[in-house]
C-alpha atoms as a PDB file:
ATOM      1  CA  UNK A   1       0.000   0.000   0.000  1.00  0.00           C
ATOM      2  CA  UNK A   2       1.464   3.290  -1.117  1.00  0.00           C
ATOM      3  CA  UNK A   3       0.128   6.570  -2.475  1.00  0.00           C
ATOM      4  CA  UNK A   4       2.943   6.827  -5.018  1.00  0.00           C
ATOM      5  CA  UNK A   5       1.789   5.122  -8.213  1.00  0.00           C
ATOM      6  CA  UNK A   6       5.353   4.618  -9.448  1.00  0.00           C
ATOM      7  CA  UNK A   7       6.319   2.705  -6.293  1.00  0.00           C
ATOM      8  CA  UNK A   8       3.264   0.455  -6.607  1.00  0.00           C
ATOM      9  CA  UNK A   9       3.888  -0.214 -10.272  1.00  0.00           C
ATOM     10  CA  UNK A  10       7.621  -0.869 -10.161  1.00  0.00           C
ATOM     11  CA  UNK A  11       7.705  -2.876  -6.948  1.00  0.00           C
ATOM     12  CA  UNK A  12       4.691  -4.998  -7.859  1.00  0.00           C
ATOM     13  CA  UNK A  13       6.277  -5.862 -11.231  1.00  0.00           C
ATOM     14  CA  UNK A  14       9.566  -6.734  -9.570  1.00  0.00           C
ATOM     15  CA  UNK A  15       7.867  -8.874  -6.915  1.00  0.00           C
ATOM     16  CA  UNK A  16       5.814 -10.719  -9.527  1.00  0.00           C
ATOM     17  CA  UNK A  17       9.017 -11.520 -11.424  1.00  0.00           C
ATOM     18  CA  UNK A  18      10.292 -13.080  -8.200  1.00  0.00           C
ATOM     19  CA  UNK A  19       7.223 -15.278  -7.895  1.00  0.00           C
ATOM     20  CA  UNK A  20       5.092 -13.246  -5.492  1.00  0.00           C
ATOM     21  CA  UNK A  21       1.351 -12.732  -5.962  1.00  0.00           C
ATOM     22  CA  UNK A  22       0.721  -9.023  -5.473  1.00  0.00           C
ATOM     23  CA  UNK A  23      -2.295  -6.826  -4.780  1.00  0.00           C
ATOM     24  CA  UNK A  24      -1.889  -3.065  -4.653  1.00  0.00           C
ATOM     25  CA  UNK A  25      -3.750  -0.419  -2.676  1.00  0.00           C
ATOM     26  CA  UNK A  26      -3.373   3.346  -2.737  1.00  0.00           C
ATOM     27  CA  UNK A  27      -4.344   3.985   0.876  1.00  0.00           C
ATOM     28  CA  UNK A  28      -5.207   2.179   4.087  1.00  0.00           C
ATOM     29  CA  UNK A  29      -8.944   2.034   3.450  1.00  0.00           C
ATOM     30  CA  UNK A  30      -8.306   0.280   0.125  1.00  0.00           C
ATOM     31  CA  UNK A  31      -5.795  -2.072   1.784  1.00  0.00           C
ATOM     32  CA  UNK A  32      -8.233  -3.017   4.565  1.00  0.00           C
ATOM     33  CA  UNK A  33     -11.024  -3.649   2.046  1.00  0.00           C
ATOM     34  CA  UNK A  34      -8.716  -5.799  -0.110  1.00  0.00           C
ATOM     35  CA  UNK A  35      -7.590  -7.797   2.921  1.00  0.00           C
ATOM     36  CA  UNK A  36     -11.190  -8.303   4.052  1.00  0.00           C
ATOM     37  CA  UNK A  37     -12.188  -9.438   0.543  1.00  0.00           C
ATOM     38  CA  UNK A  38      -9.226 -11.821   0.317  1.00  0.00           C
ATOM     39  CA  UNK A  39     -10.108 -13.371   3.672  1.00  0.00           C
ATOM     40  CA  UNK A  40     -13.749 -13.795   2.626  1.00  0.00           C
ATOM     41  CA  UNK A  41     -12.565 -15.584  -0.523  1.00  0.00           C
ATOM     42  CA  UNK A  42     -10.301 -17.874   1.493  1.00  0.00           C
ATOM     43  CA  UNK A  43      -7.165 -16.307   0.029  1.00  0.00           C
ATOM     44  CA  UNK A  44      -5.772 -14.409   3.024  1.00  0.00           C
ATOM     45  CA  UNK A  45      -2.690 -12.264   2.310  1.00  0.00           C
ATOM     46  CA  UNK A  46       0.527 -13.699   3.726  1.00  0.00           C
ATOM     47  CA  UNK A  47       1.909 -10.252   4.470  1.00  0.00           C
ATOM     48  CA  UNK A  48       1.106  -6.590   3.904  1.00  0.00           C
ATOM     49  CA  UNK A  49       3.482  -3.652   3.312  1.00  0.00           C
ATOM     50  CA  UNK A  50       1.956  -0.315   4.300  1.00  0.00           C
ATOM     51  CA  UNK A  51       3.174   3.233   3.823  1.00  0.00           C
ATOM     52  CA  UNK A  52       3.063   4.954   7.217  1.00  0.00           C
ATOM     53  CA  UNK A  53       1.476   8.196   6.054  1.00  0.00           C
ATOM     54  CA  UNK A  54      -0.821   8.912   3.112  1.00  0.00           C
ATOM     55  CA  UNK A  55      -1.492  12.620   2.541  1.00  0.00           C
ATOM     56  CA  UNK A  56      -5.254  13.117   2.496  1.00  0.00           C
ATOM     57  CA  UNK A  57      -5.915   9.421   3.065  1.00  0.00           C
ATOM     58  CA  UNK A  58      -5.707   6.591   5.573  1.00  0.00           C
ATOM     59  CA  UNK A  59      -2.095   5.662   6.236  1.00  0.00           C
ATOM     60  CA  UNK A  60      -0.576   2.579   7.788  1.00  0.00           C
ATOM     61  CA  UNK A  61      -0.597   4.138  11.251  1.00  0.00           C
ATOM     62  CA  UNK A  62      -4.414   4.145  11.222  1.00  0.00           C
ATOM     63  CA  UNK A  63      -5.050   1.131   8.987  1.00  0.00           C
ATOM     64  CA  UNK A  64      -3.057  -1.367  11.067  1.00  0.00           C
ATOM     65  CA  UNK A  65      -5.653  -1.152  13.839  1.00  0.00           C
ATOM     66  CA  UNK A  66      -8.440  -1.948  11.373  1.00  0.00           C
ATOM     67  CA  UNK A  67      -6.451  -4.839   9.903  1.00  0.00           C
ATOM     68  CA  UNK A  68      -5.755  -6.292  13.338  1.00  0.00           C
ATOM     69  CA  UNK A  69      -9.461  -6.055  14.188  1.00  0.00           C
ATOM     70  CA  UNK A  70     -10.444  -8.183  11.176  1.00  0.00           C
ATOM     71  CA  UNK A  71      -7.328 -10.396  11.182  1.00  0.00           C
ATOM     72  CA  UNK A  72      -5.395 -10.580  14.477  1.00  0.00           C
ATOM     73  CA  UNK A  73      -2.743 -12.686  12.710  1.00  0.00           C
ATOM     74  CA  UNK A  74      -1.959 -10.135   9.997  1.00  0.00           C
ATOM     75  CA  UNK A  75       1.769  -9.823   9.244  1.00  0.00           C
ATOM     76  CA  UNK A  76       2.230  -6.163   8.293  1.00  0.00           C
ATOM     77  CA  UNK A  77       5.431  -4.261   7.545  1.00  0.00           C
ATOM     78  CA  UNK A  78       5.411  -0.474   7.854  1.00  0.00           C
ATOM     79  CA  UNK A  79       7.317   1.596   5.296  1.00  0.00           C
ATOM     80  CA  UNK A  80       8.260   5.264   5.437  1.00  0.00           C
ATOM     81  CA  UNK A  81      10.860   7.861   4.626  1.00  0.00           C
ATOM     82  CA  UNK A  82      10.357   9.270   8.130  1.00  0.00           C
ATOM     83  CA  UNK A  83      12.896   7.062   9.882  1.00  0.00           C
ATOM     84  CA  UNK A  84      12.685   9.053  13.121  1.00  0.00           C
ATOM     85  CA  UNK A  85       8.963   8.312  13.552  1.00  0.00           C
ATOM     86  CA  UNK A  86       8.240   6.203  16.669  1.00  0.00           C
ATOM     87  CA  UNK A  87       6.326   3.643  14.557  1.00  0.00           C
ATOM     88  CA  UNK A  88       9.404   3.076  12.396  1.00  0.00           C
ATOM     89  CA  UNK A  89      11.661   2.858  15.445  1.00  0.00           C
ATOM     90  CA  UNK A  90       9.408   0.396  17.328  1.00  0.00           C
ATOM     91  CA  UNK A  91       7.053  -1.191  14.780  1.00  0.00           C
ATOM     92  CA  UNK A  92       6.039  -4.133  16.974  1.00  0.00           C
ATOM     93  CA  UNK A  93       4.666  -1.779  19.630  1.00  0.00           C
ATOM     94  CA  UNK A  94       2.295  -0.436  16.963  1.00  0.00           C
ATOM     95  CA  UNK A  95       1.051  -3.751  15.534  1.00  0.00           C
ATOM     96  CA  UNK A  96       3.599  -4.250  12.741  1.00  0.00           C
ATOM     97  CA  UNK A  97       6.055  -7.141  12.463  1.00  0.00           C
ATOM     98  CA  UNK A  98       8.790  -5.019  10.901  1.00  0.00           C
ATOM     99  CA  UNK A  99       9.802  -1.737   9.284  1.00  0.00           C
ATOM    100  CA  UNK A 100      11.166  -0.931   5.833  1.00  0.00           C
ATOM    101  CA  UNK A 101      12.767   2.522   5.543  1.00  0.00           C
ATOM    102  CA  UNK A 102      12.389   4.391   2.248  1.00  0.00           C
ATOM    103  CA  UNK A 103      14.011   4.525  -0.163  1.00  0.00           C
ATOM    104  CA  UNK A 104      14.483   0.775  -0.462  1.00  0.00           C
ATOM    105  CA  UNK A 105      15.663  -1.588  -3.157  1.00  0.00           C
ATOM    106  CA  UNK A 106      13.799  -4.639  -4.406  1.00  0.00           C
ATOM    107  CA  UNK A 107      16.312  -6.802  -2.514  1.00  0.00           C
ATOM    108  CA  UNK A 108      15.502  -4.947   0.726  1.00  0.00           C
ATOM    109  CA  UNK A 109      11.770  -5.332   0.066  1.00  0.00           C
ATOM    110  CA  UNK A 110      12.107  -9.070  -0.558  1.00  0.00           C
ATOM    111  CA  UNK A 111      14.219  -9.434   2.603  1.00  0.00           C
ATOM    112  CA  UNK A 112      11.590  -7.560   4.642  1.00  0.00           C
ATOM    113  CA  UNK A 113       8.862  -9.829   3.244  1.00  0.00           C
ATOM    114  CA  UNK A 114      10.890 -12.926   4.045  1.00  0.00           C
ATOM    115  CA  UNK A 115      11.452 -11.721   7.636  1.00  0.00           C
ATOM    116  CA  UNK A 116       7.735 -10.988   8.002  1.00  0.00           C
ATOM    117  CA  UNK A 117       6.861 -14.481   6.791  1.00  0.00           C
ATOM    118  CA  UNK A 118       9.384 -16.233   9.054  1.00  0.00           C
END
């Protein structure tokens, strides 16, 4: 989940090339709805990567609480360029299983996903 279209497009293409199934969302509300729909279809997401803040929209900070309410086992990674934010410094205290500072490479994204799935 990210509000930057270019990040969604490039990273989803790169992840698909590495064998991942990918769904994209532009804000937290879209991500929560997609997760709810996937669960209802019996195809729960293995992990979720969420941008911490979405200008004018629901960011990861708010959306993680909604995700945890519908799926207490959700494995979410928070991502942000604001490395000094308390959520990035202590993601587990805020419901995330890890943090991925921006900018990141595809290798760093894959590593963060692998840690989240472990």
